Protein backbone atom coordinates (compact mmCIF):
# COMPACT_ATOMS: atom_id res chain seq x y z
CA UNK A 1 18.41 4.76 36.51
CA UNK A 2 22.16 5.35 36.84
CA UNK A 3 23.85 8.62 35.67
CA UNK A 4 25.62 6.67 32.84
CA UNK A 5 22.19 5.32 31.57
CA UNK A 6 20.69 8.66 31.54
CA UNK A 7 23.55 10.05 29.59
CA UNK A 8 23.31 7.05 26.99
CA UNK A 9 19.61 7.77 26.60
CA UNK A 10 19.94 11.42 26.17
CA UNK A 11 22.64 10.77 23.44
CA UNK A 12 20.40 8.47 21.80
CA UNK A 13 17.60 10.96 21.88
CA UNK A 14 19.93 13.48 20.33
CA UNK A 15 21.02 11.11 17.65
CA UNK A 16 17.17 10.26 16.79
CA UNK A 17 16.57 14.02 16.43
CA UNK A 18 19.53 14.49 14.21
CA UNK A 19 18.63 11.47 12.00
CA UNK A 20 14.86 11.69 11.70
CA UNK A 21 13.40 14.89 12.94
CA UNK A 22 9.92 14.06 11.85
CA UNK A 23 9.77 10.78 13.78
CA UNK A 24 11.31 12.37 16.78
CA UNK A 25 8.63 15.11 16.97
CA UNK A 26 5.96 12.46 16.29
CA UNK A 27 7.34 10.45 19.14
CA UNK A 28 7.71 13.33 21.60
CA UNK A 29 4.15 14.89 20.82
CA UNK A 30 2.52 11.54 21.44
CA UNK A 31 0.36 11.70 18.33
CA UNK A 32 1.31 9.51 15.70
CA UNK A 33 0.86 10.82 12.13
CA UNK A 34 -1.49 9.15 9.75
CA UNK A 35 0.24 6.36 8.27
CA UNK A 36 -1.87 5.87 5.03
CA UNK A 37 -2.00 8.93 2.86
CA UNK A 38 -5.23 10.03 0.98
CA UNK A 39 -4.04 8.77 -2.37
CA UNK A 40 -4.04 5.43 -1.13
CA UNK A 41 -7.84 5.59 -0.34
CA UNK A 42 -8.34 7.23 -3.75
CA UNK A 43 -6.64 4.19 -5.44
CA UNK A 44 -8.71 1.77 -3.43
CA UNK A 45 -11.70 3.93 -4.36
CA UNK A 46 -11.03 3.21 -8.14
CA UNK A 47 -9.60 -0.44 -7.96
CA UNK A 48 -12.61 -1.87 -6.01
CA UNK A 49 -15.32 -0.51 -8.63
CA UNK A 50 -12.93 -1.40 -11.44
CA UNK A 51 -12.55 -5.12 -10.24
CA UNK A 52 -16.49 -5.29 -9.76
CA UNK A 53 -17.10 -3.76 -13.31
CA UNK A 54 -14.35 -6.11 -14.77
CA UNK A 55 -16.03 -9.18 -13.23
CA UNK A 56 -19.65 -8.07 -14.35
CA UNK A 57 -18.28 -7.65 -17.75
CA UNK A 58 -16.59 -11.02 -17.88
CA UNK A 59 -19.89 -12.66 -16.72
CA UNK A 60 -21.93 -10.95 -18.97
CA UNK A 61 -19.40 -10.97 -21.85
CA UNK A 62 -19.79 -7.24 -22.29
CA UNK A 63 -16.48 -6.07 -23.86
CA UNK A 64 -17.24 -2.37 -23.07
CA UNK A 65 -17.54 -3.25 -19.34
CA UNK A 66 -14.54 -5.36 -19.20
CA UNK A 67 -12.48 -2.59 -20.87
CA UNK A 68 -13.96 -0.15 -18.57
CA UNK A 69 -13.19 -2.33 -15.52
CA UNK A 70 -9.59 -2.62 -16.68
CA UNK A 71 -9.26 1.03 -17.24
CA UNK A 72 -10.60 1.77 -13.67
CA UNK A 73 -8.48 -1.10 -12.00
CA UNK A 74 -5.34 0.05 -13.86
CA UNK A 75 -5.90 3.83 -12.79
CA UNK A 76 -6.64 2.94 -9.31
CA UNK A 77 -3.59 0.88 -9.04
CA UNK A 78 -1.30 3.63 -10.59
CA UNK A 79 -2.71 6.07 -7.80
CA UNK A 80 -2.40 3.50 -4.99
CA UNK A 81 1.14 2.18 -6.06
CA UNK A 82 2.75 5.46 -7.16
CA UNK A 83 5.00 6.81 -4.52
CA UNK A 84 8.44 8.47 -4.59
CA UNK A 85 11.47 6.72 -3.97
CA UNK A 86 12.88 7.24 -0.27
CA UNK A 87 15.05 10.23 -0.27
CA UNK A 88 13.79 11.62 -3.39
CA UNK A 89 11.15 14.30 -3.57
CA UNK A 90 8.27 14.11 -5.89
CA UNK A 91 8.86 17.21 -7.93
CA UNK A 92 11.84 17.30 -10.28
CA UNK A 93 14.30 19.87 -9.27
CA UNK A 94 14.99 22.45 -11.85
CA UNK A 95 18.48 22.89 -13.23
CA UNK A 96 20.30 25.88 -12.05
CA UNK A 97 22.45 27.91 -14.55
């Protein structure tokens, strides 16, 4: 690699560290972070049984099972899909003053 290429590579590394330090540390460590948070598994753990209960309730024409299945499915979907917008923290900041 030429000296110019090494300099450009070093500049790219420094910009990466400045722009996204978490990604830079992950790449430098060689161990990627977990990509699926635990809440996704919790959401799926509620969605799948909810879907089964819903289908069984529809098949047996049991209104209580249908309602329970819908509630489980909705709760699981809420947990599964609930995530903050990029650049925003989950916790609301308290107003100062």
